[in-house]
Amino acid sequence: MTFSLFFRLPLRWLAACGVLLAVASNAFAHATPTSRDPGPDAEVAAPAAVTIHFSEPLEPAFSKLALVDANNKPVAPAASQVDPQDTKTMHLALQPLAPGRYTVQWTAVAEDGHRTKGSYAFSVK
């Protein structure tokens, strides 16, 4: 038994829509870190700032960095900022940090609205 033209056209249309959806979903990217300073598991002298570069431009109103100490207590005196000259970069200014382990917690919202979160730690000598 063969499918009539009545059944074949809708099946082709559905297949074409499926392919288009698969291609379109790849166009929406999530902002992920491409570089971090200080880097994960680094042992550094007290940094003046934490800087993370992301793969996608960020929405400044919804993206943020936070720094907490080993007791999960916030240690940054001010809010983080998305760089207005490079919206793929976010900075968190710091006051001098005491020796110890610190965790950077980041939330990045790309311009397309996708939210990603993560964290990593570094140590101050």
N, C-alpha and C. Protein backbone atom coordinates (compact mmCIF):
# COMPACT_ATOMS: atom_id res chain seq x y z
N MET A 1 0.84 -1.17 0.00
CA MET A 1 0.00 0.00 0.00
C MET A 1 0.88 1.23 0.00
N THR A 2 0.64 2.17 -0.84
CA THR A 2 1.43 3.40 -0.91
C THR A 2 0.65 4.54 -0.30
N PHE A 3 1.42 5.49 0.23
CA PHE A 3 0.78 6.68 0.78
C PHE A 3 0.29 7.54 -0.37
N SER A 4 -0.87 8.08 -0.19
CA SER A 4 -1.38 8.99 -1.22
C SER A 4 -0.71 10.34 -1.06
N LEU A 5 -0.85 11.18 -2.03
CA LEU A 5 -0.31 12.52 -1.98
C LEU A 5 -0.84 13.27 -0.77
N PHE A 6 -2.06 12.96 -0.37
CA PHE A 6 -2.69 13.60 0.78
C PHE A 6 -1.87 13.39 2.05
N PHE A 7 -1.27 12.23 2.23
CA PHE A 7 -0.47 11.93 3.41
C PHE A 7 0.99 12.33 3.26
N ARG A 8 1.54 12.28 2.06
CA ARG A 8 2.95 12.56 1.86
C ARG A 8 3.30 14.03 2.07
N LEU A 9 2.48 14.95 1.63
CA LEU A 9 2.79 16.37 1.78
C LEU A 9 2.86 16.80 3.24
N PRO A 10 1.90 16.42 4.08
CA PRO A 10 2.03 16.81 5.49
C PRO A 10 3.27 16.19 6.16
N LEU A 11 3.61 14.95 5.79
CA LEU A 11 4.80 14.33 6.37
C LEU A 11 6.07 15.07 5.96
N ARG A 12 6.15 15.49 4.72
CA ARG A 12 7.31 16.26 4.26
C ARG A 12 7.36 17.61 4.97
N TRP A 13 6.23 18.23 5.13
CA TRP A 13 6.16 19.52 5.82
C TRP A 13 6.62 19.37 7.27
N LEU A 14 6.18 18.34 7.95
CA LEU A 14 6.60 18.10 9.34
C LEU A 14 8.10 17.83 9.42
N ALA A 15 8.62 17.06 8.49
CA ALA A 15 10.05 16.78 8.48
C ALA A 15 10.85 18.07 8.25
N ALA A 16 10.40 18.91 7.35
CA ALA A 16 11.08 20.18 7.08
C ALA A 16 11.04 21.08 8.32
N CYS A 17 9.92 21.13 9.00
CA CYS A 17 9.81 21.93 10.23
C CYS A 17 10.76 21.40 11.30
N GLY A 18 10.86 20.11 11.41
CA GLY A 18 11.77 19.52 12.40
C GLY A 18 13.21 19.91 12.13
N VAL A 19 13.61 19.87 10.88
CA VAL A 19 14.96 20.27 10.51
C VAL A 19 15.18 21.75 10.83
N LEU A 20 14.22 22.60 10.49
CA LEU A 20 14.35 24.03 10.77
C LEU A 20 14.45 24.30 12.27
N LEU A 21 13.67 23.61 13.08
CA LEU A 21 13.75 23.79 14.53
C LEU A 21 15.11 23.36 15.07
N ALA A 22 15.64 22.28 14.56
CA ALA A 22 16.95 21.82 15.02
C ALA A 22 18.04 22.83 14.67
N VAL A 23 17.98 23.39 13.49
CA VAL A 23 18.96 24.39 13.07
C VAL A 23 18.79 25.67 13.87
N ALA A 24 17.56 26.10 14.07
CA ALA A 24 17.29 27.34 14.80
C ALA A 24 17.71 27.24 16.26
N SER A 25 17.54 26.09 16.89
CA SER A 25 17.92 25.95 18.29
C SER A 25 19.42 26.09 18.48
N ASN A 26 20.22 25.74 17.47
CA ASN A 26 21.67 25.91 17.57
C ASN A 26 22.08 27.37 17.48
N ALA A 27 21.21 28.22 16.93
CA ALA A 27 21.53 29.64 16.81
C ALA A 27 21.46 30.33 18.16
N PHE A 28 20.71 29.82 19.12
CA PHE A 28 20.61 30.40 20.44
C PHE A 28 21.69 29.79 21.31
N ALA A 29 22.69 30.59 21.63
CA ALA A 29 23.82 30.08 22.39
C ALA A 29 23.72 30.52 23.84
N HIS A 30 24.35 29.77 24.70
CA HIS A 30 24.44 30.11 26.11
C HIS A 30 25.79 30.76 26.34
N ALA A 31 25.81 31.79 27.16
CA ALA A 31 27.07 32.47 27.49
C ALA A 31 27.85 31.60 28.48
N THR A 32 29.01 31.17 28.08
CA THR A 32 29.87 30.37 28.95
C THR A 32 31.23 31.05 29.05
N PRO A 33 31.92 30.89 30.17
CA PRO A 33 33.23 31.53 30.31
C PRO A 33 34.24 31.01 29.29
N THR A 34 34.98 31.94 28.71
CA THR A 34 36.08 31.57 27.82
C THR A 34 37.42 31.81 28.50
N SER A 35 37.46 32.75 29.45
CA SER A 35 38.66 32.94 30.26
C SER A 35 38.26 33.58 31.59
N ARG A 36 39.07 33.31 32.61
CA ARG A 36 38.80 33.81 33.97
C ARG A 36 40.10 34.29 34.59
N ASP A 37 40.01 35.41 35.32
CA ASP A 37 41.19 35.94 36.01
C ASP A 37 40.77 36.45 37.38
N PRO A 38 41.26 35.87 38.45
CA PRO A 38 42.12 34.70 38.53
C PRO A 38 41.40 33.45 38.02
N GLY A 39 42.18 32.50 37.59
CA GLY A 39 41.63 31.28 37.03
C GLY A 39 41.22 30.27 38.08
N PRO A 40 40.47 29.26 37.67
CA PRO A 40 40.06 28.19 38.58
C PRO A 40 41.28 27.51 39.22
N ASP A 41 41.21 27.32 40.52
CA ASP A 41 42.25 26.65 41.31
C ASP A 41 43.60 27.37 41.31
N ALA A 42 43.60 28.64 40.90
CA ALA A 42 44.84 29.42 40.91
C ALA A 42 45.20 29.79 42.34
N GLU A 43 46.50 29.96 42.57
CA GLU A 43 46.99 30.48 43.84
C GLU A 43 47.70 31.78 43.50
N VAL A 44 47.13 32.92 43.95
CA VAL A 44 47.59 34.23 43.50
C VAL A 44 47.79 35.17 44.68
N ALA A 45 48.53 36.25 44.42
CA ALA A 45 48.55 37.37 45.36
C ALA A 45 47.16 38.01 45.28
N ALA A 46 46.78 38.76 46.29
CA ALA A 46 45.44 39.35 46.33
C ALA A 46 45.14 40.12 45.05
N PRO A 47 44.14 39.69 44.27
CA PRO A 47 43.82 40.37 43.02
C PRO A 47 43.02 41.65 43.29
N ALA A 48 43.12 42.61 42.38
CA ALA A 48 42.36 43.85 42.48
C ALA A 48 40.94 43.67 41.95
N ALA A 49 40.74 42.63 41.13
CA ALA A 49 39.42 42.39 40.52
C ALA A 49 39.33 40.94 40.06
N VAL A 50 38.09 40.51 39.86
CA VAL A 50 37.81 39.25 39.19
C VAL A 50 37.24 39.63 37.83
N THR A 51 37.76 39.02 36.79
CA THR A 51 37.28 39.30 35.43
C THR A 51 36.98 37.98 34.73
N ILE A 52 35.80 37.90 34.13
CA ILE A 52 35.45 36.72 33.33
C ILE A 52 35.03 37.19 31.95
N HIS A 53 35.60 36.55 30.92
CA HIS A 53 35.21 36.79 29.53
C HIS A 53 34.28 35.65 29.13
N PHE A 54 33.17 36.00 28.48
CA PHE A 54 32.16 35.02 28.08
C PHE A 54 32.10 34.87 26.57
N SER A 55 31.47 33.79 26.13
CA SER A 55 31.37 33.46 24.71
C SER A 55 30.32 34.29 23.98
N GLU A 56 29.42 34.91 24.71
CA GLU A 56 28.32 35.67 24.11
C GLU A 56 28.18 37.02 24.81
N PRO A 57 27.63 38.03 24.15
CA PRO A 57 27.33 39.30 24.82
C PRO A 57 26.33 39.08 25.96
N LEU A 58 26.52 39.85 27.04
CA LEU A 58 25.70 39.68 28.24
C LEU A 58 24.66 40.79 28.38
N GLU A 59 23.58 40.46 29.06
CA GLU A 59 22.56 41.43 29.46
C GLU A 59 23.00 42.00 30.80
N PRO A 60 23.46 43.25 30.86
CA PRO A 60 24.00 43.80 32.11
C PRO A 60 23.04 43.77 33.29
N ALA A 61 21.76 43.97 33.05
CA ALA A 61 20.80 44.04 34.16
C ALA A 61 20.62 42.70 34.87
N PHE A 62 20.96 41.60 34.22
CA PHE A 62 20.68 40.28 34.79
C PHE A 62 21.92 39.42 35.02
N SER A 63 23.09 39.91 34.64
CA SER A 63 24.33 39.16 34.78
C SER A 63 25.09 39.69 35.99
N LYS A 64 25.74 38.79 36.74
CA LYS A 64 26.47 39.26 37.92
C LYS A 64 27.56 38.28 38.33
N LEU A 65 28.53 38.83 39.06
CA LEU A 65 29.59 38.07 39.71
C LEU A 65 29.49 38.34 41.20
N ALA A 66 29.78 37.33 41.99
CA ALA A 66 29.87 37.49 43.44
C ALA A 66 31.09 36.72 43.90
N LEU A 67 31.69 37.18 44.99
CA LEU A 67 32.85 36.50 45.57
C LEU A 67 32.55 36.24 47.03
N VAL A 68 32.71 34.98 47.44
CA VAL A 68 32.48 34.60 48.84
C VAL A 68 33.73 33.95 49.39
N ASP A 69 33.90 34.07 50.72
CA ASP A 69 35.06 33.46 51.37
C ASP A 69 34.75 32.01 51.75
N ALA A 70 35.65 31.39 52.47
CA ALA A 70 35.49 29.98 52.84
C ALA A 70 34.27 29.74 53.72
N ASN A 71 33.76 30.80 54.37
CA ASN A 71 32.56 30.69 55.20
C ASN A 71 31.30 31.07 54.44
N ASN A 72 31.42 31.20 53.11
CA ASN A 72 30.31 31.58 52.22
C ASN A 72 29.80 33.00 52.50
N LYS A 73 30.69 33.85 53.01
CA LYS A 73 30.35 35.23 53.32
C LYS A 73 30.81 36.13 52.17
N PRO A 74 29.92 37.00 51.64
CA PRO A 74 30.32 37.89 50.54
C PRO A 74 31.47 38.80 50.95
N VAL A 75 32.43 39.00 50.05
CA VAL A 75 33.59 39.82 50.36
C VAL A 75 33.79 40.98 49.39
N ALA A 76 33.02 41.08 48.35
CA ALA A 76 33.19 42.18 47.39
C ALA A 76 32.41 43.40 47.88
N PRO A 77 33.04 44.59 47.86
CA PRO A 77 32.39 45.79 48.38
C PRO A 77 31.34 46.38 47.45
N ALA A 78 31.40 46.05 46.17
CA ALA A 78 30.48 46.66 45.20
C ALA A 78 29.92 45.59 44.26
N ALA A 79 28.93 45.99 43.50
CA ALA A 79 28.32 45.08 42.52
C ALA A 79 29.24 44.92 41.31
N SER A 80 29.11 43.80 40.64
CA SER A 80 29.88 43.57 39.42
C SER A 80 29.33 44.42 38.28
N GLN A 81 30.14 44.56 37.24
CA GLN A 81 29.76 45.37 36.09
C GLN A 81 30.08 44.63 34.80
N VAL A 82 29.16 44.70 33.84
CA VAL A 82 29.45 44.25 32.49
C VAL A 82 30.17 45.41 31.81
N ASP A 83 31.28 45.11 31.17
CA ASP A 83 32.09 46.14 30.52
C ASP A 83 31.29 46.77 29.38
N PRO A 84 31.06 48.09 29.41
CA PRO A 84 30.27 48.71 28.34
C PRO A 84 30.98 48.69 26.99
N GLN A 85 32.32 48.58 26.98
CA GLN A 85 33.08 48.53 25.73
C GLN A 85 33.15 47.11 25.15
N ASP A 86 32.95 46.11 26.00
CA ASP A 86 33.01 44.70 25.59
C ASP A 86 31.97 43.94 26.41
N THR A 87 30.77 43.81 25.90
CA THR A 87 29.67 43.22 26.67
C THR A 87 29.81 41.72 26.87
N LYS A 88 30.92 41.15 26.43
CA LYS A 88 31.22 39.75 26.72
C LYS A 88 32.07 39.62 27.98
N THR A 89 32.40 40.75 28.62
CA THR A 89 33.30 40.77 29.76
C THR A 89 32.61 41.36 30.99
N MET A 90 32.82 40.68 32.13
CA MET A 90 32.25 41.15 33.39
C MET A 90 33.38 41.26 34.41
N HIS A 91 33.33 42.35 35.21
CA HIS A 91 34.36 42.63 36.22
C HIS A 91 33.72 42.75 37.60
N LEU A 92 34.48 42.36 38.62
CA LEU A 92 34.09 42.57 40.00
C LEU A 92 35.30 43.17 40.72
N ALA A 93 35.20 44.45 41.08
CA ALA A 93 36.30 45.13 41.78
C ALA A 93 36.38 44.60 43.21
N LEU A 94 37.62 44.48 43.71
CA LEU A 94 37.83 43.93 45.04
C LEU A 94 38.70 44.86 45.89
N GLN A 95 38.49 44.81 47.19
CA GLN A 95 39.43 45.40 48.13
C GLN A 95 40.45 44.31 48.43
N PRO A 96 41.58 44.66 49.04
CA PRO A 96 42.59 43.61 49.32
C PRO A 96 41.98 42.44 50.10
N LEU A 97 42.30 41.24 49.64
CA LEU A 97 41.78 40.03 50.25
C LEU A 97 42.82 39.41 51.17
N ALA A 98 42.37 38.87 52.27
CA ALA A 98 43.23 38.13 53.19
C ALA A 98 43.58 36.78 52.55
N PRO A 99 44.68 36.18 52.97
CA PRO A 99 44.98 34.84 52.46
C PRO A 99 43.83 33.87 52.77
N GLY A 100 43.57 32.98 51.84
CA GLY A 100 42.50 32.00 52.02
C GLY A 100 41.92 31.58 50.69
N ARG A 101 40.87 30.78 50.77
CA ARG A 101 40.20 30.25 49.57
C ARG A 101 38.93 31.05 49.33
N TYR A 102 38.69 31.41 48.08
CA TYR A 102 37.53 32.21 47.69
C TYR A 102 36.81 31.54 46.53
N THR A 103 35.51 31.75 46.48
CA THR A 103 34.70 31.17 45.41
C THR A 103 34.02 32.28 44.62
N VAL A 104 34.20 32.23 43.32
CA VAL A 104 33.54 33.15 42.40
C VAL A 104 32.23 32.48 41.97
N GLN A 105 31.13 33.17 42.14
CA GLN A 105 29.83 32.68 41.69
C GLN A 105 29.35 33.61 40.58
N TRP A 106 29.03 33.05 39.43
CA TRP A 106 28.63 33.89 38.31
C TRP A 106 27.27 33.48 37.74
N THR A 107 26.56 34.47 37.30
CA THR A 107 25.31 34.28 36.56
C THR A 107 25.44 35.10 35.29
N ALA A 108 25.27 34.48 34.16
CA ALA A 108 25.38 35.16 32.87
C ALA A 108 24.08 34.98 32.10
N VAL A 109 23.49 36.10 31.72
CA VAL A 109 22.30 36.07 30.88
C VAL A 109 22.69 36.65 29.54
N ALA A 110 22.63 35.82 28.51
CA ALA A 110 22.99 36.26 27.17
C ALA A 110 21.90 37.18 26.63
N GLU A 111 22.23 37.93 25.59
CA GLU A 111 21.27 38.85 25.00
C GLU A 111 20.02 38.14 24.49
N ASP A 112 20.14 36.83 24.19
CA ASP A 112 18.96 36.08 23.72
C ASP A 112 18.10 35.58 24.89
N GLY A 113 18.52 35.89 26.14
CA GLY A 113 17.73 35.54 27.31
C GLY A 113 18.12 34.26 28.01
N HIS A 114 19.03 33.48 27.43
CA HIS A 114 19.44 32.23 28.08
C HIS A 114 20.33 32.52 29.29
N ARG A 115 20.03 31.88 30.41
CA ARG A 115 20.76 32.08 31.66
C ARG A 115 21.65 30.86 31.94
N THR A 116 22.90 31.15 32.30
CA THR A 116 23.81 30.10 32.75
C THR A 116 24.41 30.55 34.07
N LYS A 117 24.80 29.57 34.89
CA LYS A 117 25.38 29.85 36.18
C LYS A 117 26.56 28.92 36.40
N GLY A 118 27.45 29.36 37.25
CA GLY A 118 28.58 28.51 37.60
C GLY A 118 29.37 29.10 38.74
N SER A 119 30.38 28.38 39.13
CA SER A 119 31.27 28.85 40.18
C SER A 119 32.62 28.17 40.03
N TYR A 120 33.62 28.79 40.63
CA TYR A 120 34.95 28.19 40.70
C TYR A 120 35.68 28.84 41.86
N ALA A 121 36.73 28.22 42.30
CA ALA A 121 37.48 28.72 43.46
C ALA A 121 38.92 29.04 43.08
N PHE A 122 39.49 29.96 43.86
CA PHE A 122 40.92 30.26 43.76
C PHE A 122 41.40 30.57 45.18
N SER A 123 42.70 30.60 45.35
CA SER A 123 43.29 30.86 46.67
C SER A 123 44.18 32.09 46.62
N VAL A 124 44.17 32.86 47.70
CA VAL A 124 45.06 34.00 47.86
C VAL A 124 46.17 33.57 48.80
N LYS A 125 47.44 33.82 48.39
CA LYS A 125 48.61 33.45 49.21
C LYS A 125 48.72 34.35 50.41
